[in-house]
Amino acid sequence: MKVYMASLAAGILVGVIYNLINVRSPAPPVVALIGLLGILLGEQIPPLAKNIWLGEPINLSWFHQVKPHVFGHLPKGQVPVDQAQQESSERDTLTRG
């Protein structure tokens, strides 16, 4: 989640700087986002083509190269193991004390 917030903060900072120096964004937001999506998907064509050329299953390339790179590690909304263990030990301490 920190990566998303840092990315958003960097984008806002660049927007503020653009406004202060009176520069317009090089492309309308939707066009820019579609262009970025094209770049992201275009990066996946060479590894996918290589795997097809080598006769490897397409789903192998999809699950090990394309999906993790395009979608990243999405947040799962779970409590980290260390934090869950700490909370459990704190509850045990409160119930004993």
PDB file of N, CA and C in Angstrom:
ATOM      1  N   MET A   1       0.819  -1.192   0.000  1.00  0.00           N
ATOM      2  CA  MET A   1       0.000   0.000   0.000  1.00  0.00           C
ATOM      3  C   MET A   1       0.865   1.260   0.000  1.00  0.00           C
ATOM      4  N   LYS A   2       2.060   1.166   0.622  1.00  0.00           N
ATOM      5  CA  LYS A   2       2.947   2.326   0.669  1.00  0.00           C
ATOM      6  C   LYS A   2       3.389   2.742  -0.731  1.00  0.00           C
ATOM      7  N   VAL A   3       3.582   1.751  -1.614  1.00  0.00           N
ATOM      8  CA  VAL A   3       4.013   2.046  -2.976  1.00  0.00           C
ATOM      9  C   VAL A   3       2.938   2.849  -3.701  1.00  0.00           C
ATOM     10  N   TYR A   4       1.676   2.490  -3.503  1.00  0.00           N
ATOM     11  CA  TYR A   4       0.574   3.202  -4.149  1.00  0.00           C
ATOM     12  C   TYR A   4       0.499   4.640  -3.639  1.00  0.00           C
ATOM     13  N   MET A   5       0.667   4.802  -2.345  1.00  0.00           N
ATOM     14  CA  MET A   5       0.604   6.147  -1.768  1.00  0.00           C
ATOM     15  C   MET A   5       1.785   6.996  -2.240  1.00  0.00           C
ATOM     16  N   ALA A   6       2.978   6.394  -2.319  1.00  0.00           N
ATOM     17  CA  ALA A   6       4.152   7.131  -2.798  1.00  0.00           C
ATOM     18  C   ALA A   6       3.957   7.529  -4.258  1.00  0.00           C
ATOM     19  N   SER A   7       3.395   6.641  -5.057  1.00  0.00           N
ATOM     20  CA  SER A   7       3.144   6.945  -6.460  1.00  0.00           C
ATOM     21  C   SER A   7       2.137   8.086  -6.594  1.00  0.00           C
ATOM     22  N   LEU A   8       1.070   8.026  -5.809  1.00  0.00           N
ATOM     23  CA  LEU A   8       0.069   9.089  -5.835  1.00  0.00           C
ATOM     24  C   LEU A   8       0.683  10.420  -5.401  1.00  0.00           C
ATOM     25  N   ALA A   9       1.483  10.391  -4.343  1.00  0.00           N
ATOM     26  CA  ALA A   9       2.118  11.622  -3.853  1.00  0.00           C
ATOM     27  C   ALA A   9       3.057  12.208  -4.907  1.00  0.00           C
ATOM     28  N   ALA A  10       3.828  11.360  -5.574  1.00  0.00           N
ATOM     29  CA  ALA A  10       4.732  11.842  -6.625  1.00  0.00           C
ATOM     30  C   ALA A  10       3.936  12.470  -7.766  1.00  0.00           C
ATOM     31  N   GLY A  11       2.833  11.843  -8.139  1.00  0.00           N
ATOM     32  CA  GLY A  11       1.991  12.390  -9.197  1.00  0.00           C
ATOM     33  C   GLY A  11       1.406  13.737  -8.830  1.00  0.00           C
ATOM     34  N   ILE A  12       0.952  13.869  -7.600  1.00  0.00           N
ATOM     35  CA  ILE A  12       0.395  15.150  -7.141  1.00  0.00           C
ATOM     36  C   ILE A  12       1.483  16.221  -7.129  1.00  0.00           C
ATOM     37  N   LEU A  13       2.671  15.853  -6.665  1.00  0.00           N
ATOM     38  CA  LEU A  13       3.783  16.810  -6.634  1.00  0.00           C
ATOM     39  C   LEU A  13       4.114  17.294  -8.047  1.00  0.00           C
ATOM     40  N   VAL A  14       4.187  16.383  -8.992  1.00  0.00           N
ATOM     41  CA  VAL A  14       4.470  16.775 -10.379  1.00  0.00           C
ATOM     42  C   VAL A  14       3.356  17.674 -10.916  1.00  0.00           C
ATOM     43  N   GLY A  15       2.105  17.357 -10.586  1.00  0.00           N
ATOM     44  CA  GLY A  15       0.987  18.203 -11.012  1.00  0.00           C
ATOM     45  C   GLY A  15       1.086  19.609 -10.468  1.00  0.00           C
ATOM     46  N   VAL A  16       1.474  19.723  -9.195  1.00  0.00           N
ATOM     47  CA  VAL A  16       1.628  21.046  -8.576  1.00  0.00           C
ATOM     48  C   VAL A  16       2.764  21.813  -9.257  1.00  0.00           C
ATOM     49  N   ILE A  17       3.875  21.129  -9.511  1.00  0.00           N
ATOM     50  CA  ILE A  17       5.011  21.788 -10.176  1.00  0.00           C
ATOM     51  C   ILE A  17       4.604  22.240 -11.576  1.00  0.00           C
ATOM     52  N   TYR A  18       3.891  21.372 -12.323  1.00  0.00           N
ATOM     53  CA  TYR A  18       3.405  21.756 -13.657  1.00  0.00           C
ATOM     54  C   TYR A  18       2.567  23.029 -13.567  1.00  0.00           C
ATOM     55  N   ASN A  19       1.694  23.100 -12.580  1.00  0.00           N
ATOM     56  CA  ASN A  19       0.825  24.262 -12.454  1.00  0.00           C
ATOM     57  C   ASN A  19       1.627  25.507 -12.101  1.00  0.00           C
ATOM     58  N   LEU A  20       2.593  25.368 -11.205  1.00  0.00           N
ATOM     59  CA  LEU A  20       3.382  26.523 -10.772  1.00  0.00           C
ATOM     60  C   LEU A  20       4.209  27.109 -11.909  1.00  0.00           C
ATOM     61  N   ILE A  21       4.714  26.272 -12.792  1.00  0.00           N
ATOM     62  CA  ILE A  21       5.515  26.795 -13.903  1.00  0.00           C
ATOM     63  C   ILE A  21       4.675  26.964 -15.176  1.00  0.00           C
ATOM     64  N   ASN A  22       3.357  26.821 -15.007  1.00  0.00           N
ATOM     65  CA  ASN A  22       2.407  27.080 -16.083  1.00  0.00           C
ATOM     66  C   ASN A  22       2.616  26.173 -17.300  1.00  0.00           C
ATOM     67  N   VAL A  23       2.794  24.895 -17.044  1.00  0.00           N
ATOM     68  CA  VAL A  23       2.976  23.904 -18.107  1.00  0.00           C
ATOM     69  C   VAL A  23       1.775  22.974 -18.103  1.00  0.00           C
ATOM     70  N   ARG A  24       1.290  22.661 -19.290  1.00  0.00           N
ATOM     71  CA  ARG A  24       0.176  21.719 -19.397  1.00  0.00           C
ATOM     72  C   ARG A  24       0.736  20.300 -19.457  1.00  0.00           C
ATOM     73  N   SER A  25      -0.029  19.372 -18.936  1.00  0.00           N
ATOM     74  CA  SER A  25       0.330  17.966 -19.031  1.00  0.00           C
ATOM     75  C   SER A  25       0.494  17.600 -20.503  1.00  0.00           C
ATOM     76  N   PRO A  26       1.482  16.760 -20.841  1.00  0.00           N
ATOM     77  CA  PRO A  26       1.731  16.460 -22.247  1.00  0.00           C
ATOM     78  C   PRO A  26       0.584  15.731 -22.950  1.00  0.00           C
ATOM     79  N   ALA A  27      -0.288  15.086 -22.218  1.00  0.00           N
ATOM     80  CA  ALA A  27      -1.412  14.371 -22.841  1.00  0.00           C
ATOM     81  C   ALA A  27      -2.597  14.408 -21.890  1.00  0.00           C
ATOM     82  N   PRO A  28      -3.803  14.376 -22.431  1.00  0.00           N
ATOM     83  CA  PRO A  28      -4.965  14.281 -21.548  1.00  0.00           C
ATOM     84  C   PRO A  28      -4.853  13.013 -20.687  1.00  0.00           C
ATOM     85  N   PRO A  29      -5.366  13.038 -19.462  1.00  0.00           N
ATOM     86  CA  PRO A  29      -5.192  11.914 -18.539  1.00  0.00           C
ATOM     87  C   PRO A  29      -5.591  10.558 -19.110  1.00  0.00           C
ATOM     88  N   VAL A  30      -6.711  10.477 -19.809  1.00  0.00           N
ATOM     89  CA  VAL A  30      -7.144   9.185 -20.335  1.00  0.00           C
ATOM     90  C   VAL A  30      -6.177   8.690 -21.402  1.00  0.00           C
ATOM     91  N   VAL A  31      -5.730   9.586 -22.270  1.00  0.00           N
ATOM     92  CA  VAL A  31      -4.781   9.211 -23.316  1.00  0.00           C
ATOM     93  C   VAL A  31      -3.467   8.742 -22.692  1.00  0.00           C
ATOM     94  N   ALA A  32      -3.019   9.458 -21.671  1.00  0.00           N
ATOM     95  CA  ALA A  32      -1.776   9.083 -20.998  1.00  0.00           C
ATOM     96  C   ALA A  32      -1.896   7.711 -20.333  1.00  0.00           C
ATOM     97  N   LEU A  33      -3.013   7.457 -19.679  1.00  0.00           N
ATOM     98  CA  LEU A  33      -3.199   6.162 -19.020  1.00  0.00           C
ATOM     99  C   LEU A  33      -3.275   5.023 -20.023  1.00  0.00           C
ATOM    100  N   ILE A  34      -3.940   5.255 -21.144  1.00  0.00           N
ATOM    101  CA  ILE A  34      -4.009   4.215 -22.177  1.00  0.00           C
ATOM    102  C   ILE A  34      -2.619   3.970 -22.766  1.00  0.00           C
ATOM    103  N   GLY A  35      -1.851   5.025 -22.928  1.00  0.00           N
ATOM    104  CA  GLY A  35      -0.476   4.870 -23.404  1.00  0.00           C
ATOM    105  C   GLY A  35       0.376   4.076 -22.435  1.00  0.00           C
ATOM    106  N   LEU A  36       0.235   4.361 -21.140  1.00  0.00           N
ATOM    107  CA  LEU A  36       0.979   3.589 -20.135  1.00  0.00           C
ATOM    108  C   LEU A  36       0.562   2.127 -20.128  1.00  0.00           C
ATOM    109  N   LEU A  37      -0.724   1.866 -20.300  1.00  0.00           N
ATOM    110  CA  LEU A  37      -1.196   0.488 -20.378  1.00  0.00           C
ATOM    111  C   LEU A  37      -0.587  -0.210 -21.590  1.00  0.00           C
ATOM    112  N   GLY A  38      -0.517   0.499 -22.718  1.00  0.00           N
ATOM    113  CA  GLY A  38       0.109  -0.067 -23.907  1.00  0.00           C
ATOM    114  C   GLY A  38       1.565  -0.415 -23.682  1.00  0.00           C
ATOM    115  N   ILE A  39       2.289   0.461 -22.995  1.00  0.00           N
ATOM    116  CA  ILE A  39       3.696   0.193 -22.681  1.00  0.00           C
ATOM    117  C   ILE A  39       3.801  -1.042 -21.801  1.00  0.00           C
ATOM    118  N   LEU A  40       2.979  -1.102 -20.778  1.00  0.00           N
ATOM    119  CA  LEU A  40       3.006  -2.221 -19.843  1.00  0.00           C
ATOM    120  C   LEU A  40       2.710  -3.538 -20.546  1.00  0.00           C
ATOM    121  N   LEU A  41       1.701  -3.540 -21.392  1.00  0.00           N
ATOM    122  CA  LEU A  41       1.354  -4.759 -22.121  1.00  0.00           C
ATOM    123  C   LEU A  41       2.403  -5.082 -23.181  1.00  0.00           C
ATOM    124  N   GLY A  42       2.954  -4.056 -23.822  1.00  0.00           N
ATOM    125  CA  GLY A  42       3.983  -4.274 -24.835  1.00  0.00           C
ATOM    126  C   GLY A  42       5.242  -4.912 -24.267  1.00  0.00           C
ATOM    127  N   GLU A  43       5.554  -4.610 -23.010  1.00  0.00           N
ATOM    128  CA  GLU A  43       6.710  -5.232 -22.365  1.00  0.00           C
ATOM    129  C   GLU A  43       6.540  -6.742 -22.225  1.00  0.00           C
ATOM    130  N   GLN A  44       5.313  -7.202 -22.243  1.00  0.00           N
ATOM    131  CA  GLN A  44       5.048  -8.626 -22.012  1.00  0.00           C
ATOM    132  C   GLN A  44       5.108  -9.447 -23.286  1.00  0.00           C
ATOM    133  N   ILE A  45       5.096  -8.804 -24.453  1.00  0.00           N
ATOM    134  CA  ILE A  45       5.081  -9.542 -25.716  1.00  0.00           C
ATOM    135  C   ILE A  45       6.377 -10.340 -25.940  1.00  0.00           C
ATOM    136  N   PRO A  46       7.571  -9.753 -25.762  1.00  0.00           N
ATOM    137  CA  PRO A  46       8.791 -10.550 -26.004  1.00  0.00           C
ATOM    138  C   PRO A  46       8.910 -11.807 -25.131  1.00  0.00           C
ATOM    139  N   PRO A  47       8.682 -11.738 -23.803  1.00  0.00           N
ATOM    140  CA  PRO A  47       8.789 -12.980 -23.028  1.00  0.00           C
ATOM    141  C   PRO A  47       7.722 -14.003 -23.421  1.00  0.00           C
ATOM    142  N   LEU A  48       6.524 -13.523 -23.734  1.00  0.00           N
ATOM    143  CA  LEU A  48       5.455 -14.433 -24.139  1.00  0.00           C
ATOM    144  C   LEU A  48       5.807 -15.101 -25.463  1.00  0.00           C
ATOM    145  N   ALA A  49       6.302 -14.317 -26.416  1.00  0.00           N
ATOM    146  CA  ALA A  49       6.702 -14.874 -27.714  1.00  0.00           C
ATOM    147  C   ALA A  49       7.859 -15.861 -27.555  1.00  0.00           C
ATOM    148  N   LYS A  50       8.798 -15.538 -26.671  1.00  0.00           N
ATOM    149  CA  LYS A  50       9.934 -16.439 -26.420  1.00  0.00           C
ATOM    150  C   LYS A  50       9.444 -17.778 -25.876  1.00  0.00           C
ATOM    151  N   ASN A  51       8.522 -17.739 -24.930  1.00  0.00           N
ATOM    152  CA  ASN A  51       8.007 -18.985 -24.369  1.00  0.00           C
ATOM    153  C   ASN A  51       7.235 -19.793 -25.404  1.00  0.00           C
ATOM    154  N   ILE A  52       6.492 -19.107 -26.263  1.00  0.00           N
ATOM    155  CA  ILE A  52       5.770 -19.808 -27.326  1.00  0.00           C
ATOM    156  C   ILE A  52       6.784 -20.437 -28.292  1.00  0.00           C
ATOM    157  N   TRP A  53       7.833 -19.692 -28.636  1.00  0.00           N
ATOM    158  CA  TRP A  53       8.863 -20.186 -29.553  1.00  0.00           C
ATOM    159  C   TRP A  53       9.558 -21.418 -28.976  1.00  0.00           C
ATOM    160  N   LEU A  54       9.784 -21.423 -27.651  1.00  0.00           N
ATOM    161  CA  LEU A  54      10.445 -22.555 -27.003  1.00  0.00           C
ATOM    162  C   LEU A  54       9.492 -23.725 -26.750  1.00  0.00           C
ATOM    163  N   GLY A  55       8.229 -23.538 -27.097  1.00  0.00           N
ATOM    164  CA  GLY A  55       7.256 -24.616 -26.946  1.00  0.00           C
ATOM    165  C   GLY A  55       6.717 -24.780 -25.535  1.00  0.00           C
ATOM    166  N   GLU A  56       6.947 -23.777 -24.688  1.00  0.00           N
ATOM    167  CA  GLU A  56       6.427 -23.842 -23.324  1.00  0.00           C
ATOM    168  C   GLU A  56       4.954 -23.437 -23.327  1.00  0.00           C
ATOM    169  N   PRO A  57       4.188 -23.939 -22.366  1.00  0.00           N
ATOM    170  CA  PRO A  57       2.769 -23.575 -22.306  1.00  0.00           C
ATOM    171  C   PRO A  57       2.596 -22.068 -22.074  1.00  0.00           C
ATOM    172  N   ILE A  58       1.603 -21.493 -22.710  1.00  0.00           N
ATOM    173  CA  ILE A  58       1.343 -20.057 -22.576  1.00  0.00           C
ATOM    174  C   ILE A  58       0.976 -19.706 -21.137  1.00  0.00           C
ATOM    175  N   ASN A  59       0.218 -20.593 -20.464  1.00  0.00           N
ATOM    176  CA  ASN A  59      -0.192 -20.271 -19.090  1.00  0.00           C
ATOM    177  C   ASN A  59       1.005 -20.179 -18.153  1.00  0.00           C
ATOM    178  N   LEU A  60       2.113 -20.876 -18.459  1.00  0.00           N
ATOM    179  CA  LEU A  60       3.318 -20.768 -17.644  1.00  0.00           C
ATOM    180  C   LEU A  60       3.859 -19.343 -17.701  1.00  0.00           C
ATOM    181  N   SER A  61       3.941 -18.803 -18.909  1.00  0.00           N
ATOM    182  CA  SER A  61       4.403 -17.427 -19.073  1.00  0.00           C
ATOM    183  C   SER A  61       3.429 -16.451 -18.428  1.00  0.00           C
ATOM    184  N   TRP A  62       2.127 -16.694 -18.582  1.00  0.00           N
ATOM    185  CA  TRP A  62       1.114 -15.801 -18.030  1.00  0.00           C
ATOM    186  C   TRP A  62       1.242 -15.707 -16.515  1.00  0.00           C
ATOM    187  N   PHE A  63       1.303 -16.852 -15.834  1.00  0.00           N
ATOM    188  CA  PHE A  63       1.300 -16.852 -14.366  1.00  0.00           C
ATOM    189  C   PHE A  63       2.636 -16.461 -13.748  1.00  0.00           C
ATOM    190  N   HIS A  64       3.748 -16.686 -14.474  1.00  0.00           N
ATOM    191  CA  HIS A  64       5.053 -16.400 -13.877  1.00  0.00           C
ATOM    192  C   HIS A  64       5.694 -15.113 -14.385  1.00  0.00           C
ATOM    193  N   GLN A  65       5.238 -14.577 -15.499  1.00  0.00           N
ATOM    194  CA  GLN A  65       5.836 -13.352 -16.026  1.00  0.00           C
ATOM    195  C   GLN A  65       4.811 -12.229 -16.177  1.00  0.00           C
ATOM    196  N   VAL A  66       3.775 -12.475 -16.950  1.00  0.00           N
ATOM    197  CA  VAL A  66       2.848 -11.398 -17.316  1.00  0.00           C
ATOM    198  C   VAL A  66       2.006 -10.947 -16.127  1.00  0.00           C
ATOM    199  N   LYS A  67       1.289 -11.859 -15.501  1.00  0.00           N
ATOM    200  CA  LYS A  67       0.372 -11.482 -14.426  1.00  0.00           C
ATOM    201  C   LYS A  67       1.069 -10.744 -13.276  1.00  0.00           C
ATOM    202  N   PRO A  68       2.190 -11.267 -12.731  1.00  0.00           N
ATOM    203  CA  PRO A  68       2.834 -10.534 -11.631  1.00  0.00           C
ATOM    204  C   PRO A  68       3.333  -9.150 -12.050  1.00  0.00           C
ATOM    205  N   HIS A  69       3.812  -9.025 -13.311  1.00  0.00           N
ATOM    206  CA  HIS A  69       4.349  -7.728 -13.735  1.00  0.00           C
ATOM    207  C   HIS A  69       3.239  -6.721 -14.021  1.00  0.00           C
ATOM    208  N   VAL A  70       2.162  -7.164 -14.647  1.00  0.00           N
ATOM    209  CA  VAL A  70       1.086  -6.239 -15.010  1.00  0.00           C
ATOM    210  C   VAL A  70       0.264  -5.842 -13.792  1.00  0.00           C
ATOM    211  N   PHE A  71      -0.074  -6.803 -12.951  1.00  0.00           N
ATOM    212  CA  PHE A  71      -0.958  -6.529 -11.828  1.00  0.00           C
ATOM    213  C   PHE A  71      -0.218  -6.267 -10.527  1.00  0.00           C
ATOM    214  N   GLY A  72       1.060  -6.579 -10.463  1.00  0.00           N
ATOM    215  CA  GLY A  72       1.833  -6.372  -9.249  1.00  0.00           C
ATOM    216  C   GLY A  72       1.341  -7.263  -8.128  1.00  0.00           C
ATOM    217  N   HIS A  73       1.815  -7.000  -6.949  1.00  0.00           N
ATOM    218  CA  HIS A  73       1.374  -7.737  -5.778  1.00  0.00           C
ATOM    219  C   HIS A  73       0.246  -6.928  -5.148  1.00  0.00           C
ATOM    220  N   LEU A  74      -0.966  -7.342  -5.435  1.00  0.00           N
ATOM    221  CA  LEU A  74      -2.119  -6.602  -4.952  1.00  0.00           C
ATOM    222  C   LEU A  74      -2.318  -6.839  -3.461  1.00  0.00           C
ATOM    223  N   PRO A  75      -2.763  -5.833  -2.717  1.00  0.00           N
ATOM    224  CA  PRO A  75      -2.990  -6.012  -1.286  1.00  0.00           C
ATOM    225  C   PRO A  75      -4.082  -7.034  -1.034  1.00  0.00           C
ATOM    226  N   LYS A  76      -3.875  -7.876  -0.035  1.00  0.00           N
ATOM    227  CA  LYS A  76      -4.833  -8.924   0.286  1.00  0.00           C
ATOM    228  C   LYS A  76      -5.734  -8.568   1.465  1.00  0.00           C
ATOM    229  N   GLY A  77      -5.398  -7.533   2.206  1.00  0.00           N
ATOM    230  CA  GLY A  77      -6.224  -7.121   3.329  1.00  0.00           C
ATOM    231  C   GLY A  77      -6.085  -8.033   4.542  1.00  0.00           C
ATOM    232  N   GLN A  78      -4.969  -8.730   4.631  1.00  0.00           N
ATOM    233  CA  GLN A  78      -4.747  -9.624   5.762  1.00  0.00           C
ATOM    234  C   GLN A  78      -3.760  -8.982   6.729  1.00  0.00           C
ATOM    235  N   VAL A  79      -3.882  -9.365   7.986  1.00  0.00           N
ATOM    236  CA  VAL A  79      -2.972  -8.869   9.008  1.00  0.00           C
ATOM    237  C   VAL A  79      -1.652  -9.628   8.857  1.00  0.00           C
ATOM    238  N   PRO A  80      -0.510  -8.927   8.841  1.00  0.00           N
ATOM    239  CA  PRO A  80       0.772  -9.628   8.762  1.00  0.00           C
ATOM    240  C   PRO A  80       0.931 -10.617   9.907  1.00  0.00           C
ATOM    241  N   VAL A  81       1.636 -11.695   9.663  1.00  0.00           N
ATOM    242  CA  VAL A  81       1.770 -12.776  10.648  1.00  0.00           C
ATOM    243  C   VAL A  81       2.375 -12.265  11.946  1.00  0.00           C
ATOM    244  N   ASP A  82       3.431 -11.459  11.869  1.00  0.00           N
ATOM    245  CA  ASP A  82       4.082 -10.946  13.081  1.00  0.00           C
ATOM    246  C   ASP A  82       3.110 -10.127  13.927  1.00  0.00           C
ATOM    247  N   GLN A  83       2.317  -9.294  13.276  1.00  0.00           N
ATOM    248  CA  GLN A  83       1.360  -8.452  13.989  1.00  0.00           C
ATOM    249  C   GLN A  83       0.268  -9.317  14.609  1.00  0.00           C
ATOM    250  N   ALA A  84      -0.200 -10.336  13.911  1.00  0.00           N
ATOM    251  CA  ALA A  84      -1.234 -11.218  14.444  1.00  0.00           C
ATOM    252  C   ALA A  84      -0.716 -11.970  15.663  1.00  0.00           C
ATOM    253  N   GLN A  85       0.544 -12.420  15.611  1.00  0.00           N
ATOM    254  CA  GLN A  85       1.133 -13.116  16.751  1.00  0.00           C
ATOM    255  C   GLN A  85       1.279 -12.181  17.947  1.00  0.00           C
ATOM    256  N   GLN A  86       1.663 -10.934  17.693  1.00  0.00           N
ATOM    257  CA  GLN A  86       1.827  -9.966  18.766  1.00  0.00           C
ATOM    258  C   GLN A  86       0.479  -9.673  19.423  1.00  0.00           C
ATOM    259  N   GLU A  87      -0.561  -9.484  18.614  1.00  0.00           N
ATOM    260  CA  GLU A  87      -1.889  -9.214  19.157  1.00  0.00           C
ATOM    261  C   GLU A  87      -2.387 -10.408  19.959  1.00  0.00           C
ATOM    262  N   SER A  88      -2.093 -11.615  19.493  1.00  0.00           N
ATOM    263  CA  SER A  88      -2.508 -12.826  20.200  1.00  0.00           C
ATOM    264  C   SER A  88      -1.808 -12.913  21.552  1.00  0.00           C
ATOM    265  N   SER A  89      -0.494 -12.608  21.579  1.00  0.00           N
ATOM    266  CA  SER A  89       0.219 -12.678  22.844  1.00  0.00           C
ATOM    267  C   SER A  89      -0.240 -11.585  23.810  1.00  0.00           C
ATOM    268  N   GLU A  90      -0.606 -10.416  23.275  1.00  0.00           N
ATOM    269  CA  GLU A  90      -1.129  -9.347  24.133  1.00  0.00           C
ATOM    270  C   GLU A  90      -2.470  -9.749  24.747  1.00  0.00           C
ATOM    271  N   ARG A  91      -3.331 -10.410  23.956  1.00  0.00           N
ATOM    272  CA  ARG A  91      -4.613 -10.878  24.503  1.00  0.00           C
ATOM    273  C   ARG A  91      -4.396 -11.915  25.587  1.00  0.00           C
ATOM    274  N   ASP A  92      -3.427 -12.813  25.359  1.00  0.00           N
ATOM    275  CA  ASP A  92      -3.135 -13.851  26.354  1.00  0.00           C
ATOM    276  C   ASP A  92      -2.644 -13.218  27.641  1.00  0.00           C
ATOM    277  N   THR A  93      -1.796 -12.178  27.536  1.00  0.00           N
ATOM    278  CA  THR A  93      -1.269 -11.484  28.708  1.00  0.00           C
ATOM    279  C   THR A  93      -2.413 -10.816  29.471  1.00  0.00           C
ATOM    280  N   LEU A  94      -3.355 -10.198  28.768  1.00  0.00           N
ATOM    281  CA  LEU A  94      -4.477  -9.519  29.419  1.00  0.00           C
ATOM    282  C   LEU A  94      -5.401 -10.506  30.117  1.00  0.00           C
ATOM    283  N   THR A  95      -5.618 -11.659  29.522  1.00  0.00           N
ATOM    284  CA  THR A  95      -6.529 -12.641  30.134  1.00  0.00           C
ATOM    285  C   THR A  95      -5.897 -13.326  31.338  1.00  0.00           C
ATOM    286  N   ARG A  96      -4.572 -13.445  31.346  1.00  0.00           N
ATOM    287  CA  ARG A  96      -3.876 -14.069  32.483  1.00  0.00           C
ATOM    288  C   ARG A  96      -3.734 -13.096  33.649  1.00  0.00           C
ATOM    289  N   GLY A  97      -3.575 -11.836  33.335  1.00  0.00           N
ATOM    290  CA  GLY A  97      -3.247 -10.838  34.337  1.00  0.00           C
ATOM    291  C   GLY A  97      -4.442 -10.395  35.059  1.00  0.00           C
TER     292      GLY A  97
END
